[in-house]
């Protein structure tokens, strides 16, 4: 397995869209303090990602009273 960073950047914005000449692709743009990353995916990939995010989000504990704390280490 690939080694991963011990911490994650907080998402500050996101957007979705599709290229005019490639309507079969969705582009997901994720913005953090370090910049913007764009990801292109097929409809099937987008639906799988949405399903996975929804399932995972339902299992999250409520945020602490002060909200998310930047720089907190991931498990």
N, C-alpha and C. Protein backbone atom coordinates (compact mmCIF):
# COMPACT_ATOMS: atom_id res chain seq x y z
N UNK A 1 0.84 -1.18 0.00
CA UNK A 1 0.00 0.00 0.00
C UNK A 1 0.88 1.24 0.00
N UNK A 2 0.46 2.26 -0.67
CA UNK A 2 1.20 3.51 -0.74
C UNK A 2 1.15 4.22 0.60
N UNK A 3 2.28 4.77 1.03
CA UNK A 3 2.28 5.54 2.27
C UNK A 3 1.56 6.85 2.03
N UNK A 4 0.79 7.27 3.02
CA UNK A 4 0.02 8.49 2.89
C UNK A 4 0.44 9.47 3.96
N UNK A 5 0.14 10.72 3.73
CA UNK A 5 0.46 11.77 4.70
C UNK A 5 -0.30 11.51 6.00
N UNK A 6 0.26 11.96 7.10
CA UNK A 6 -0.37 11.78 8.41
C UNK A 6 -1.45 12.83 8.66
N UNK A 7 -1.56 13.82 7.80
CA UNK A 7 -2.60 14.84 7.96
C UNK A 7 -3.19 15.18 6.60
N UNK A 8 -4.35 15.79 6.63
CA UNK A 8 -5.04 16.15 5.38
C UNK A 8 -5.32 17.64 5.36
N UNK A 9 -5.39 18.20 4.17
CA UNK A 9 -5.74 19.61 4.00
C UNK A 9 -7.26 19.74 4.06
N UNK A 10 -7.76 20.77 4.72
CA UNK A 10 -9.19 21.00 4.77
C UNK A 10 -9.67 21.59 3.45
N UNK A 11 -10.80 21.12 3.01
CA UNK A 11 -11.42 21.61 1.79
C UNK A 11 -12.03 22.98 2.07
N UNK A 12 -11.70 23.96 1.24
CA UNK A 12 -12.25 25.30 1.43
C UNK A 12 -13.31 25.63 0.38
N UNK A 13 -13.33 24.90 -0.72
CA UNK A 13 -14.35 25.11 -1.76
C UNK A 13 -14.34 23.93 -2.71
N UNK A 14 -15.44 23.75 -3.43
CA UNK A 14 -15.47 22.74 -4.48
C UNK A 14 -16.45 23.17 -5.55
N UNK A 15 -16.28 22.62 -6.73
CA UNK A 15 -17.19 22.90 -7.83
C UNK A 15 -17.23 21.68 -8.75
N UNK A 16 -18.33 21.52 -9.45
CA UNK A 16 -18.44 20.46 -10.44
C UNK A 16 -18.86 21.07 -11.77
N UNK A 17 -18.56 20.37 -12.83
CA UNK A 17 -18.93 20.83 -14.15
C UNK A 17 -18.50 19.79 -15.17
N UNK A 18 -18.59 20.14 -16.44
CA UNK A 18 -18.15 19.23 -17.49
C UNK A 18 -17.63 20.03 -18.66
N UNK A 19 -16.65 19.44 -19.36
CA UNK A 19 -16.09 20.12 -20.54
C UNK A 19 -17.15 20.16 -21.65
N UNK A 20 -17.26 21.31 -22.29
CA UNK A 20 -18.24 21.48 -23.36
C UNK A 20 -18.12 20.42 -24.45
N UNK A 21 -16.89 20.08 -24.79
CA UNK A 21 -16.66 19.12 -25.88
C UNK A 21 -16.62 17.68 -25.41
N UNK A 22 -16.73 17.45 -24.10
CA UNK A 22 -16.72 16.09 -23.56
C UNK A 22 -17.81 15.96 -22.50
N UNK A 23 -19.09 16.00 -22.91
CA UNK A 23 -20.19 15.99 -21.95
C UNK A 23 -20.32 14.67 -21.18
N UNK A 24 -19.54 13.66 -21.54
CA UNK A 24 -19.58 12.37 -20.84
C UNK A 24 -18.65 12.36 -19.62
N UNK A 25 -17.92 13.44 -19.39
CA UNK A 25 -17.01 13.53 -18.25
C UNK A 25 -17.49 14.59 -17.27
N UNK A 26 -17.28 14.33 -15.99
CA UNK A 26 -17.53 15.33 -14.96
C UNK A 26 -16.18 15.77 -14.42
N UNK A 27 -16.05 17.06 -14.16
CA UNK A 27 -14.83 17.57 -13.55
C UNK A 27 -15.18 18.04 -12.14
N UNK A 28 -14.42 17.55 -11.18
CA UNK A 28 -14.57 17.94 -9.78
C UNK A 28 -13.35 18.76 -9.41
N UNK A 29 -13.57 20.00 -9.01
CA UNK A 29 -12.47 20.89 -8.60
C UNK A 29 -12.51 21.03 -7.09
N UNK A 30 -11.42 20.66 -6.44
CA UNK A 30 -11.31 20.76 -4.98
C UNK A 30 -10.28 21.83 -4.64
N UNK A 31 -10.64 22.74 -3.75
CA UNK A 31 -9.76 23.85 -3.38
C UNK A 31 -9.37 23.73 -1.91
N UNK A 32 -8.07 23.85 -1.64
CA UNK A 32 -7.55 23.92 -0.28
C UNK A 32 -6.68 25.17 -0.21
N UNK A 33 -6.08 25.40 0.94
CA UNK A 33 -5.18 26.54 1.05
C UNK A 33 -3.97 26.40 0.14
N UNK A 34 -3.66 25.19 -0.29
CA UNK A 34 -2.51 24.96 -1.17
C UNK A 34 -2.83 25.17 -2.64
N UNK A 35 -4.11 25.29 -2.99
CA UNK A 35 -4.47 25.49 -4.39
C UNK A 35 -5.64 24.63 -4.82
N UNK A 36 -5.80 24.51 -6.13
CA UNK A 36 -6.93 23.79 -6.72
C UNK A 36 -6.43 22.53 -7.41
N UNK A 37 -7.17 21.44 -7.22
CA UNK A 37 -6.89 20.19 -7.92
C UNK A 37 -8.15 19.84 -8.71
N UNK A 38 -8.00 19.54 -9.98
CA UNK A 38 -9.12 19.15 -10.83
C UNK A 38 -9.04 17.65 -11.12
N UNK A 39 -10.20 16.97 -11.04
CA UNK A 39 -10.27 15.55 -11.31
C UNK A 39 -11.37 15.31 -12.34
N UNK A 40 -11.05 14.58 -13.40
CA UNK A 40 -12.05 14.22 -14.41
C UNK A 40 -12.48 12.79 -14.15
N UNK A 41 -13.79 12.53 -14.30
CA UNK A 41 -14.29 11.18 -14.06
C UNK A 41 -15.50 10.90 -14.94
N UNK A 42 -15.77 9.62 -15.11
CA UNK A 42 -16.94 9.20 -15.87
C UNK A 42 -18.17 9.29 -14.98
N UNK A 43 -19.33 9.14 -15.59
CA UNK A 43 -20.59 9.16 -14.85
C UNK A 43 -20.60 8.06 -13.79
N UNK A 44 -20.15 6.86 -14.16
CA UNK A 44 -20.15 5.74 -13.22
C UNK A 44 -19.22 6.02 -12.03
N UNK A 45 -18.06 6.59 -12.30
CA UNK A 45 -17.14 6.93 -11.22
C UNK A 45 -17.75 7.99 -10.31
N UNK A 46 -18.39 9.01 -10.91
CA UNK A 46 -18.99 10.08 -10.12
C UNK A 46 -20.09 9.53 -9.21
N UNK A 47 -20.91 8.62 -9.72
CA UNK A 47 -21.98 8.03 -8.91
C UNK A 47 -21.42 7.18 -7.77
N UNK A 48 -20.35 6.44 -8.04
CA UNK A 48 -19.72 5.63 -7.00
C UNK A 48 -19.09 6.51 -5.92
N UNK A 49 -18.44 7.58 -6.33
CA UNK A 49 -17.84 8.51 -5.37
C UNK A 49 -18.94 9.13 -4.50
N UNK A 50 -20.05 9.57 -5.14
CA UNK A 50 -21.15 10.18 -4.40
C UNK A 50 -21.73 9.19 -3.39
N UNK A 51 -21.91 7.95 -3.80
CA UNK A 51 -22.46 6.91 -2.91
C UNK A 51 -21.53 6.68 -1.73
N UNK A 52 -20.24 6.59 -2.00
CA UNK A 52 -19.25 6.34 -0.95
C UNK A 52 -19.19 7.51 0.02
N UNK A 53 -19.19 8.74 -0.49
CA UNK A 53 -19.15 9.93 0.38
C UNK A 53 -20.40 9.98 1.25
N UNK A 54 -21.57 9.71 0.67
CA UNK A 54 -22.81 9.75 1.44
C UNK A 54 -22.78 8.72 2.56
N UNK A 55 -22.33 7.49 2.26
CA UNK A 55 -22.27 6.43 3.26
C UNK A 55 -21.27 6.78 4.37
N UNK A 56 -20.11 7.30 3.99
CA UNK A 56 -19.09 7.66 4.97
C UNK A 56 -19.54 8.84 5.82
N UNK A 57 -20.14 9.85 5.21
CA UNK A 57 -20.59 11.03 5.94
C UNK A 57 -21.64 10.66 6.99
N UNK A 58 -22.49 9.69 6.69
CA UNK A 58 -23.52 9.26 7.63
C UNK A 58 -22.90 8.63 8.88
N UNK A 59 -21.67 8.12 8.76
CA UNK A 59 -21.00 7.47 9.89
C UNK A 59 -20.13 8.42 10.70
N UNK A 60 -19.96 9.65 10.23
CA UNK A 60 -19.11 10.61 10.94
C UNK A 60 -19.74 11.04 12.25
N UNK A 61 -18.91 11.24 13.24
CA UNK A 61 -19.37 11.81 14.50
C UNK A 61 -19.60 13.30 14.29
N UNK A 62 -20.45 13.92 15.11
CA UNK A 62 -20.64 15.37 15.00
C UNK A 62 -19.32 16.10 15.25
N UNK A 63 -19.17 17.26 14.61
CA UNK A 63 -17.96 18.07 14.80
C UNK A 63 -17.89 18.57 16.23
N UNK A 64 -16.69 18.77 16.77
CA UNK A 64 -16.57 19.34 18.11
C UNK A 64 -17.19 20.74 18.15
N UNK A 65 -17.50 21.22 19.33
CA UNK A 65 -18.19 22.51 19.50
C UNK A 65 -17.51 23.63 18.73
N UNK A 66 -16.20 23.64 18.67
CA UNK A 66 -15.48 24.70 17.97
C UNK A 66 -15.35 24.46 16.48
N UNK A 67 -15.88 23.36 15.97
CA UNK A 67 -15.78 23.04 14.55
C UNK A 67 -14.47 22.35 14.25
N UNK A 68 -14.20 22.07 12.97
CA UNK A 68 -12.97 21.37 12.60
C UNK A 68 -11.74 22.21 12.95
N UNK A 69 -10.70 21.52 13.34
CA UNK A 69 -9.47 22.20 13.73
C UNK A 69 -8.41 21.92 12.69
N UNK A 70 -7.98 22.95 11.91
CA UNK A 70 -6.93 22.72 10.90
C UNK A 70 -5.68 22.14 11.54
N UNK A 71 -5.07 21.21 10.84
CA UNK A 71 -3.83 20.62 11.32
C UNK A 71 -4.02 19.38 12.17
N UNK A 72 -5.26 18.97 12.41
CA UNK A 72 -5.51 17.78 13.21
C UNK A 72 -5.06 16.57 12.40
N UNK A 73 -4.39 15.65 13.05
CA UNK A 73 -3.87 14.46 12.38
C UNK A 73 -5.00 13.48 12.09
N UNK A 74 -4.92 12.83 10.93
CA UNK A 74 -5.89 11.80 10.57
C UNK A 74 -5.55 10.51 11.27
N UNK A 75 -6.54 9.65 11.39
CA UNK A 75 -6.32 8.34 11.96
C UNK A 75 -5.72 7.44 10.92
